[in-house]
């Protein structure tokens, strides 16, 4: 497991709970030792294939089902309330699902939040904290392998 485990108070949860910091590699099957360049955020948009075919994912991991996690990524909006995003696909690199073919389902997270997030656009890196789990969902943009009920969505400060 590449993610770090830290104990942190998450104010919106109202109680102290262990928050698990995940990296995108943590969502890949445990027996997968190599990470394709596209999943490391190395995307050459000018040379991206025109095909919108999503690669199949081998499987999802259930290690963090029901756990509070924190994961960085980029927003691909699905639903708004006013001007704020309340449902979005969290993706590992800029342009996924929009400018280049989507990554495998095990590299996509469907995020829902009660508190609308005022996103500044597709190029804004965010950090999402909330209850995580494997959950197969299909949208017009991609098949998604995970879901996260967000307590906080904030700009990623790396």
N, C-alpha and C. Protein backbone atom coordinates (compact mmCIF):
# COMPACT_ATOMS: atom_id res chain seq x y z
N UNK A 1 0.86 -1.19 0.00
CA UNK A 1 0.00 0.00 0.00
C UNK A 1 0.90 1.23 0.00
N UNK A 2 0.71 2.08 -0.98
CA UNK A 2 1.55 3.25 -1.12
C UNK A 2 1.07 4.45 -0.33
N UNK A 3 -0.20 4.42 0.11
CA UNK A 3 -0.74 5.57 0.84
C UNK A 3 -0.22 5.63 2.26
N UNK A 4 -0.17 6.79 2.80
CA UNK A 4 0.24 6.97 4.18
C UNK A 4 -0.98 6.97 5.07
N UNK A 5 -0.84 6.44 6.26
CA UNK A 5 -1.94 6.44 7.22
C UNK A 5 -1.58 7.44 8.30
N UNK A 6 -2.49 8.38 8.53
CA UNK A 6 -2.26 9.38 9.57
C UNK A 6 -3.52 9.55 10.39
N UNK A 7 -3.34 9.94 11.62
CA UNK A 7 -4.49 10.29 12.45
C UNK A 7 -4.69 11.78 12.35
N UNK A 8 -5.88 12.18 11.97
CA UNK A 8 -6.17 13.59 11.74
C UNK A 8 -7.58 13.86 12.21
N UNK A 9 -7.80 15.05 12.73
CA UNK A 9 -9.16 15.47 13.02
C UNK A 9 -9.76 16.06 11.75
N UNK A 10 -10.90 15.56 11.36
CA UNK A 10 -11.59 16.10 10.20
C UNK A 10 -12.79 16.86 10.74
N UNK A 11 -12.73 18.20 10.74
CA UNK A 11 -13.73 19.01 11.41
C UNK A 11 -15.16 18.71 10.98
N UNK A 12 -15.40 18.47 9.70
CA UNK A 12 -16.78 18.28 9.27
C UNK A 12 -17.33 16.92 9.68
N UNK A 13 -16.47 15.99 10.07
CA UNK A 13 -16.98 14.70 10.52
C UNK A 13 -17.51 14.78 11.95
N UNK A 14 -17.04 15.77 12.69
CA UNK A 14 -17.54 15.97 14.03
C UNK A 14 -16.91 15.06 15.07
N UNK A 15 -15.98 14.19 14.65
CA UNK A 15 -15.30 13.33 15.58
C UNK A 15 -13.94 12.96 15.00
N UNK A 16 -13.05 12.51 15.88
CA UNK A 16 -11.73 12.11 15.43
C UNK A 16 -11.81 10.74 14.79
N UNK A 17 -11.25 10.60 13.62
CA UNK A 17 -11.21 9.31 12.96
C UNK A 17 -9.94 9.24 12.13
N UNK A 18 -9.41 8.06 12.00
CA UNK A 18 -8.21 7.88 11.20
C UNK A 18 -8.54 8.18 9.74
N UNK A 19 -7.73 9.04 9.13
CA UNK A 19 -7.89 9.37 7.72
C UNK A 19 -6.76 8.71 6.96
N UNK A 20 -7.09 7.97 5.94
CA UNK A 20 -6.10 7.26 5.14
C UNK A 20 -5.82 8.07 3.89
N UNK A 21 -4.57 8.47 3.70
CA UNK A 21 -4.17 9.19 2.50
C UNK A 21 -3.91 8.18 1.40
N UNK A 22 -4.67 8.27 0.31
CA UNK A 22 -4.51 7.35 -0.81
C UNK A 22 -3.83 8.05 -1.99
N UNK A 23 -3.06 7.27 -2.72
CA UNK A 23 -2.53 7.67 -4.01
C UNK A 23 -3.28 6.85 -5.06
N UNK A 24 -3.24 7.27 -6.30
CA UNK A 24 -3.97 6.56 -7.35
C UNK A 24 -3.47 5.14 -7.52
N UNK A 25 -2.19 4.91 -7.28
CA UNK A 25 -1.65 3.56 -7.38
C UNK A 25 -2.30 2.63 -6.36
N UNK A 26 -2.76 3.18 -5.23
CA UNK A 26 -3.40 2.38 -4.19
C UNK A 26 -4.73 1.78 -4.66
N UNK A 27 -5.30 2.32 -5.72
CA UNK A 27 -6.59 1.84 -6.21
C UNK A 27 -6.43 0.71 -7.22
N UNK A 28 -5.21 0.46 -7.66
CA UNK A 28 -4.94 -0.63 -8.60
C UNK A 28 -4.94 -1.96 -7.87
N UNK A 29 -5.22 -3.05 -8.57
CA UNK A 29 -5.17 -4.37 -7.92
C UNK A 29 -3.81 -4.60 -7.26
N UNK A 30 -3.82 -5.31 -6.16
CA UNK A 30 -2.61 -5.52 -5.37
C UNK A 30 -1.50 -6.20 -6.14
N UNK A 31 -1.84 -7.06 -7.09
CA UNK A 31 -0.81 -7.78 -7.83
C UNK A 31 -0.28 -6.99 -9.03
N UNK A 32 -0.75 -5.76 -9.20
CA UNK A 32 -0.29 -4.92 -10.30
C UNK A 32 0.92 -4.13 -9.83
N UNK A 33 2.08 -4.43 -10.39
CA UNK A 33 3.30 -3.77 -9.93
C UNK A 33 3.73 -2.62 -10.84
N UNK A 34 3.14 -2.52 -12.03
CA UNK A 34 3.54 -1.43 -12.92
C UNK A 34 2.38 -0.48 -13.14
N UNK A 35 2.70 0.79 -13.15
CA UNK A 35 1.70 1.83 -13.35
C UNK A 35 1.96 2.47 -14.71
N UNK A 36 0.99 2.40 -15.64
CA UNK A 36 1.19 3.03 -16.94
C UNK A 36 1.44 4.52 -16.80
N UNK A 37 2.23 5.09 -17.72
CA UNK A 37 2.56 6.51 -17.66
C UNK A 37 1.33 7.39 -17.59
N UNK A 38 0.27 7.03 -18.31
CA UNK A 38 -0.94 7.86 -18.33
C UNK A 38 -1.53 7.99 -16.92
N UNK A 39 -1.35 6.95 -16.09
CA UNK A 39 -1.89 7.01 -14.73
C UNK A 39 -0.96 7.76 -13.78
N UNK A 40 0.22 8.10 -14.22
CA UNK A 40 1.14 8.91 -13.42
C UNK A 40 0.97 10.38 -13.73
N UNK A 41 -0.01 10.70 -14.57
CA UNK A 41 -0.25 12.10 -14.89
C UNK A 41 0.54 12.57 -16.10
N UNK A 42 1.20 11.64 -16.79
CA UNK A 42 1.98 12.00 -17.97
C UNK A 42 1.08 11.81 -19.19
N UNK A 43 0.44 12.87 -19.60
CA UNK A 43 -0.49 12.80 -20.72
C UNK A 43 -0.09 13.85 -21.74
N UNK A 44 0.12 13.42 -22.95
CA UNK A 44 0.42 14.35 -24.02
C UNK A 44 -0.88 14.59 -24.77
N UNK A 45 -1.58 15.66 -24.40
CA UNK A 45 -2.89 15.94 -24.97
C UNK A 45 -2.86 16.07 -26.48
N UNK A 46 -1.78 16.60 -27.04
CA UNK A 46 -1.69 16.78 -28.48
C UNK A 46 -1.64 15.45 -29.21
N UNK A 47 -1.09 14.43 -28.56
CA UNK A 47 -0.94 13.12 -29.18
C UNK A 47 -1.95 12.11 -28.67
N UNK A 48 -2.94 12.56 -27.95
CA UNK A 48 -3.92 11.64 -27.37
C UNK A 48 -4.71 10.96 -28.49
N UNK A 49 -4.98 9.67 -28.34
CA UNK A 49 -5.76 8.98 -29.36
C UNK A 49 -7.16 9.58 -29.47
N UNK A 50 -7.70 9.55 -30.67
CA UNK A 50 -9.03 10.10 -30.89
C UNK A 50 -10.12 9.17 -30.35
N UNK A 51 -9.79 7.94 -30.18
CA UNK A 51 -10.77 6.97 -29.70
C UNK A 51 -11.21 7.30 -28.28
N UNK A 52 -12.47 7.14 -28.04
CA UNK A 52 -12.96 7.39 -26.68
C UNK A 52 -13.18 6.08 -25.93
N UNK A 53 -12.49 5.04 -26.36
CA UNK A 53 -12.63 3.74 -25.69
C UNK A 53 -11.92 3.74 -24.35
N UNK A 54 -12.64 3.35 -23.34
CA UNK A 54 -12.07 3.25 -22.00
C UNK A 54 -11.44 1.87 -21.84
N UNK A 55 -10.18 1.79 -21.38
CA UNK A 55 -9.59 0.48 -21.15
C UNK A 55 -10.32 -0.25 -20.03
N UNK A 56 -10.36 -1.55 -20.13
CA UNK A 56 -11.01 -2.32 -19.08
C UNK A 56 -10.11 -2.35 -17.85
N UNK A 57 -10.73 -2.38 -16.69
CA UNK A 57 -9.94 -2.46 -15.46
C UNK A 57 -10.00 -3.89 -14.97
N UNK A 58 -8.88 -4.35 -14.43
CA UNK A 58 -8.80 -5.72 -13.97
C UNK A 58 -9.76 -5.96 -12.80
N UNK A 59 -9.72 -5.08 -11.83
CA UNK A 59 -10.58 -5.22 -10.65
C UNK A 59 -10.41 -4.00 -9.76
N UNK A 60 -11.29 -3.87 -8.78
CA UNK A 60 -11.18 -2.80 -7.80
C UNK A 60 -10.69 -3.40 -6.50
N UNK A 61 -10.23 -2.55 -5.62
CA UNK A 61 -9.80 -2.99 -4.30
C UNK A 61 -10.85 -2.61 -3.28
N UNK A 62 -11.02 -3.46 -2.29
CA UNK A 62 -12.02 -3.23 -1.26
C UNK A 62 -11.39 -2.93 0.10
N UNK A 63 -10.07 -2.75 0.13
CA UNK A 63 -9.33 -2.52 1.38
C UNK A 63 -9.89 -1.35 2.19
N UNK A 64 -10.40 -0.34 1.49
CA UNK A 64 -10.79 0.90 2.17
C UNK A 64 -12.31 1.11 2.19
N UNK A 65 -13.07 0.06 1.91
CA UNK A 65 -14.53 0.18 1.97
C UNK A 65 -14.96 0.64 3.36
N UNK A 66 -15.74 1.72 3.39
CA UNK A 66 -16.25 2.24 4.65
C UNK A 66 -15.25 3.07 5.45
N UNK A 67 -14.06 3.25 4.94
CA UNK A 67 -13.02 4.02 5.64
C UNK A 67 -13.07 5.48 5.18
N UNK A 68 -12.55 6.36 6.03
CA UNK A 68 -12.43 7.77 5.67
C UNK A 68 -11.06 7.93 5.01
N UNK A 69 -11.09 8.40 3.76
CA UNK A 69 -9.86 8.56 3.00
C UNK A 69 -9.73 9.99 2.50
N UNK A 70 -8.51 10.31 2.08
CA UNK A 70 -8.23 11.60 1.45
C UNK A 70 -7.45 11.27 0.18
N UNK A 71 -7.91 11.82 -0.95
CA UNK A 71 -7.25 11.54 -2.22
C UNK A 71 -7.25 12.79 -3.09
N UNK A 72 -6.14 13.09 -3.75
CA UNK A 72 -6.09 14.25 -4.64
C UNK A 72 -6.50 13.85 -6.06
N UNK A 73 -6.89 14.83 -6.84
CA UNK A 73 -7.23 14.57 -8.24
C UNK A 73 -7.81 15.80 -8.89
N UNK A 74 -8.49 15.58 -10.00
CA UNK A 74 -9.10 16.66 -10.77
C UNK A 74 -10.58 16.37 -10.95
N UNK A 75 -11.37 17.43 -11.04
CA UNK A 75 -12.82 17.33 -11.11
C UNK A 75 -13.30 17.29 -12.56
N UNK A 76 -14.16 16.32 -12.85
CA UNK A 76 -14.94 16.32 -14.08
C UNK A 76 -16.40 16.41 -13.61
N UNK A 77 -17.01 17.59 -13.71
CA UNK A 77 -18.34 17.82 -13.14
C UNK A 77 -19.43 16.96 -13.78
N UNK A 78 -20.36 16.52 -12.95
CA UNK A 78 -21.53 15.78 -13.42
C UNK A 78 -22.81 16.53 -13.07
N UNK A 79 -22.88 17.10 -11.84
CA UNK A 79 -24.10 17.77 -11.39
C UNK A 79 -23.74 19.00 -10.56
N UNK A 80 -24.58 20.01 -10.70
CA UNK A 80 -24.37 21.28 -9.99
C UNK A 80 -25.56 21.60 -9.11
N UNK A 81 -25.32 22.37 -8.08
CA UNK A 81 -26.37 23.04 -7.31
C UNK A 81 -25.98 24.51 -7.31
N UNK A 82 -26.76 25.32 -8.01
CA UNK A 82 -26.36 26.71 -8.22
C UNK A 82 -25.11 26.72 -9.08
N UNK A 83 -24.06 27.36 -8.60
CA UNK A 83 -22.80 27.39 -9.35
C UNK A 83 -21.78 26.40 -8.80
N UNK A 84 -22.16 25.65 -7.77
CA UNK A 84 -21.23 24.69 -7.16
C UNK A 84 -21.46 23.27 -7.63
N UNK A 85 -20.39 22.52 -7.72
CA UNK A 85 -20.45 21.11 -8.14
C UNK A 85 -20.85 20.27 -6.93
N UNK A 86 -21.84 19.37 -7.11
CA UNK A 86 -22.26 18.47 -6.03
C UNK A 86 -22.03 17.00 -6.38
N UNK A 87 -21.74 16.72 -7.64
CA UNK A 87 -21.38 15.37 -8.07
C UNK A 87 -20.35 15.50 -9.18
N UNK A 88 -19.28 14.72 -9.06
CA UNK A 88 -18.24 14.78 -10.08
C UNK A 88 -17.44 13.48 -10.09
N UNK A 89 -16.73 13.29 -11.20
CA UNK A 89 -15.79 12.19 -11.29
C UNK A 89 -14.43 12.75 -10.89
N UNK A 90 -13.81 12.13 -9.90
CA UNK A 90 -12.45 12.50 -9.53
C UNK A 90 -11.52 11.66 -10.39
N UNK A 91 -10.62 12.33 -11.11
CA UNK A 91 -9.73 11.66 -12.04
C UNK A 91 -8.27 11.93 -11.66
N UNK A 92 -7.36 11.04 -12.06
CA UNK A 92 -5.96 11.18 -11.64
C UNK A 92 -5.14 12.19 -12.41
N UNK A 93 -5.63 12.65 -13.56
CA UNK A 93 -4.86 13.60 -14.36
C UNK A 93 -5.79 14.53 -15.11
N UNK A 94 -5.27 15.69 -15.47
CA UNK A 94 -6.04 16.72 -16.16
C UNK A 94 -6.54 16.19 -17.50
N UNK A 95 -7.81 16.44 -17.78
CA UNK A 95 -8.37 16.11 -19.08
C UNK A 95 -8.93 14.72 -19.21
N UNK A 96 -8.77 13.88 -18.20
CA UNK A 96 -9.31 12.52 -18.27
C UNK A 96 -10.82 12.60 -18.44
N UNK A 97 -11.37 11.79 -19.31
CA UNK A 97 -12.80 11.71 -19.60
C UNK A 97 -13.30 12.87 -20.46
N UNK A 98 -12.46 13.89 -20.68
CA UNK A 98 -12.90 15.05 -21.44
C UNK A 98 -12.04 15.22 -22.69
N UNK A 99 -10.73 15.36 -22.51
CA UNK A 99 -9.82 15.60 -23.63
C UNK A 99 -9.11 14.35 -24.11
N UNK A 100 -9.03 13.34 -23.28
CA UNK A 100 -8.40 12.07 -23.64
C UNK A 100 -9.32 10.95 -23.16
N UNK A 101 -9.15 9.74 -23.69
CA UNK A 101 -10.00 8.64 -23.23
C UNK A 101 -9.89 8.47 -21.72
N UNK A 102 -10.99 8.04 -21.10
CA UNK A 102 -10.95 7.85 -19.64
C UNK A 102 -10.03 6.71 -19.25
N UNK A 103 -9.46 6.81 -18.06
CA UNK A 103 -8.67 5.70 -17.54
C UNK A 103 -9.60 4.54 -17.18
N UNK A 104 -9.05 3.39 -16.81
CA UNK A 104 -9.88 2.26 -16.39
C UNK A 104 -10.77 2.64 -15.20
N UNK A 105 -11.85 1.92 -15.04
CA UNK A 105 -12.80 2.20 -13.96
C UNK A 105 -12.13 2.20 -12.58
N UNK A 106 -11.09 1.39 -12.41
CA UNK A 106 -10.43 1.35 -11.11
C UNK A 106 -9.49 2.53 -10.89
N UNK A 107 -9.57 3.53 -11.77
CA UNK A 107 -8.82 4.77 -11.60
C UNK A 107 -9.75 5.97 -11.64
N UNK A 108 -11.05 5.73 -11.36
CA UNK A 108 -12.05 6.80 -11.34
C UNK A 108 -12.88 6.68 -10.07
N UNK A 109 -13.21 7.84 -9.48
CA UNK A 109 -14.00 7.87 -8.25
C UNK A 109 -15.18 8.81 -8.46
N UNK A 110 -16.40 8.31 -8.23
CA UNK A 110 -17.60 9.15 -8.26
C UNK A 110 -17.73 9.81 -6.89
N UNK A 111 -17.68 11.13 -6.89
CA UNK A 111 -17.75 11.89 -5.63
C UNK A 111 -19.08 12.62 -5.56
N UNK A 112 -19.74 12.52 -4.42
CA UNK A 112 -20.95 13.31 -4.15
C UNK A 112 -20.70 14.09 -2.87
N UNK A 113 -21.29 15.29 -2.82
CA UNK A 113 -21.12 16.13 -1.64
C UNK A 113 -22.40 16.92 -1.40
N UNK A 114 -22.75 17.11 -0.14
CA UNK A 114 -23.91 17.93 0.20
C UNK A 114 -23.61 19.42 0.07
N UNK A 115 -22.34 19.77 0.29
CA UNK A 115 -21.93 21.17 0.23
C UNK A 115 -21.32 21.44 -1.15
N UNK A 116 -22.00 22.23 -2.01
CA UNK A 116 -21.48 22.50 -3.35
C UNK A 116 -20.07 23.08 -3.31
N UNK A 117 -19.23 22.59 -4.21
CA UNK A 117 -17.85 23.08 -4.32
C UNK A 117 -17.75 24.00 -5.52
N UNK A 118 -17.26 25.20 -5.29
CA UNK A 118 -17.10 26.20 -6.35
C UNK A 118 -15.79 25.93 -7.09
N UNK A 119 -15.84 25.07 -8.07
CA UNK A 119 -14.65 24.70 -8.83
C UNK A 119 -14.24 25.82 -9.77
N UNK A 120 -12.93 25.99 -9.92
CA UNK A 120 -12.45 27.01 -10.86
C UNK A 120 -12.16 26.42 -12.23
N UNK A 121 -12.40 25.13 -12.42
CA UNK A 121 -12.24 24.53 -13.73
C UNK A 121 -11.52 23.19 -13.70
N UNK A 122 -11.39 22.59 -14.89
CA UNK A 122 -10.83 21.26 -15.03
C UNK A 122 -9.35 21.17 -14.66
N UNK A 123 -8.65 22.29 -14.63
CA UNK A 123 -7.22 22.27 -14.37
C UNK A 123 -6.89 22.48 -12.89
N UNK A 124 -7.93 22.58 -12.05
CA UNK A 124 -7.73 22.78 -10.62
C UNK A 124 -7.56 21.42 -9.92
N UNK A 125 -6.43 21.26 -9.24
CA UNK A 125 -6.22 20.06 -8.44
C UNK A 125 -6.96 20.23 -7.11
N UNK A 126 -7.67 19.19 -6.70
CA UNK A 126 -8.40 19.22 -5.43
C UNK A 126 -7.99 18.02 -4.57
N UNK A 127 -8.37 18.10 -3.33
CA UNK A 127 -8.18 17.02 -2.37
C UNK A 127 -9.54 16.75 -1.76
N UNK A 128 -9.98 15.49 -1.81
CA UNK A 128 -11.30 15.12 -1.33
C UNK A 128 -11.15 14.18 -0.15
N UNK A 129 -11.91 14.45 0.92
CA UNK A 129 -11.90 13.60 2.11
C UNK A 129 -13.32 13.15 2.40
N UNK A 130 -13.48 11.86 2.66
CA UNK A 130 -14.80 11.33 2.98
C UNK A 130 -14.81 9.82 3.02
N UNK A 131 -16.01 9.26 3.14
CA UNK A 131 -16.16 7.81 3.23
C UNK A 131 -16.06 7.22 1.82
N UNK A 132 -15.22 6.21 1.70
CA UNK A 132 -14.82 5.63 0.41
C UNK A 132 -15.30 4.20 0.28
N UNK A 133 -15.48 3.74 -0.95
CA UNK A 133 -15.79 2.33 -1.17
C UNK A 133 -15.83 1.97 -2.64
N UNK A 134 -15.70 0.69 -2.90
CA UNK A 134 -15.84 0.18 -4.26
C UNK A 134 -17.32 0.23 -4.62
N UNK A 135 -17.63 0.77 -5.78
CA UNK A 135 -19.02 0.88 -6.22
C UNK A 135 -19.03 1.08 -7.73
N UNK A 136 -19.53 0.11 -8.44
CA UNK A 136 -19.57 0.18 -9.90
C UNK A 136 -20.70 1.10 -10.36
N UNK A 137 -20.33 2.12 -11.15
CA UNK A 137 -21.29 3.09 -11.67
C UNK A 137 -20.96 3.34 -13.13
N UNK A 138 -21.99 3.54 -13.93
CA UNK A 138 -21.76 3.84 -15.33
C UNK A 138 -22.38 5.20 -15.65
N UNK A 139 -21.59 6.07 -16.31
CA UNK A 139 -22.08 7.37 -16.74
C UNK A 139 -21.87 7.48 -18.25
N UNK A 140 -22.32 8.57 -18.84
CA UNK A 140 -22.08 8.78 -20.26
C UNK A 140 -20.61 8.96 -20.57
N UNK A 141 -19.84 9.42 -19.58
CA UNK A 141 -18.41 9.67 -19.79
C UNK A 141 -17.54 8.43 -19.60
N UNK A 142 -17.92 7.58 -18.63
CA UNK A 142 -17.06 6.45 -18.30
C UNK A 142 -17.73 5.52 -17.31
N UNK A 143 -17.19 4.32 -17.21
CA UNK A 143 -17.55 3.41 -16.13
C UNK A 143 -16.63 3.75 -14.96
N UNK A 144 -17.19 3.74 -13.75
CA UNK A 144 -16.46 4.18 -12.56
C UNK A 144 -16.43 3.04 -11.54
N UNK A 145 -15.28 2.83 -10.91
CA UNK A 145 -15.12 1.70 -10.00
C UNK A 145 -15.28 2.02 -8.53
N UNK A 146 -15.20 3.31 -8.16
CA UNK A 146 -15.24 3.68 -6.75
C UNK A 146 -16.20 4.84 -6.51
N UNK A 147 -16.64 4.99 -5.25
CA UNK A 147 -17.48 6.12 -4.85
C UNK A 147 -16.94 6.70 -3.56
N UNK A 148 -17.15 8.00 -3.40
CA UNK A 148 -16.69 8.69 -2.19
C UNK A 148 -17.75 9.71 -1.81
N UNK A 149 -18.25 9.62 -0.59
CA UNK A 149 -19.18 10.60 -0.06
C UNK A 149 -18.34 11.66 0.65
N UNK A 150 -18.19 12.81 0.00
CA UNK A 150 -17.23 13.81 0.47
C UNK A 150 -17.74 14.62 1.66
N UNK A 151 -16.89 14.72 2.66
CA UNK A 151 -17.12 15.65 3.77
C UNK A 151 -16.44 16.97 3.44
N UNK A 152 -15.28 16.90 2.78
CA UNK A 152 -14.59 18.12 2.36
C UNK A 152 -14.03 17.95 0.95
N UNK A 153 -14.12 19.04 0.19
CA UNK A 153 -13.45 19.17 -1.10
C UNK A 153 -12.73 20.50 -1.01
N UNK A 154 -11.41 20.46 -1.20
CA UNK A 154 -10.63 21.68 -1.07
C UNK A 154 -9.52 21.69 -2.11
N UNK A 155 -8.99 22.87 -2.43
CA UNK A 155 -7.86 22.93 -3.36
C UNK A 155 -6.70 22.10 -2.82
N UNK A 156 -6.02 21.39 -3.70
CA UNK A 156 -4.87 20.58 -3.33
C UNK A 156 -3.65 21.46 -3.22
N UNK A 157 -2.96 21.37 -2.11
CA UNK A 157 -1.80 22.21 -1.88
C UNK A 157 -0.50 21.43 -2.00
N UNK A 158 -0.59 20.16 -2.37
CA UNK A 158 0.56 19.30 -2.64
C UNK A 158 1.58 19.30 -1.62
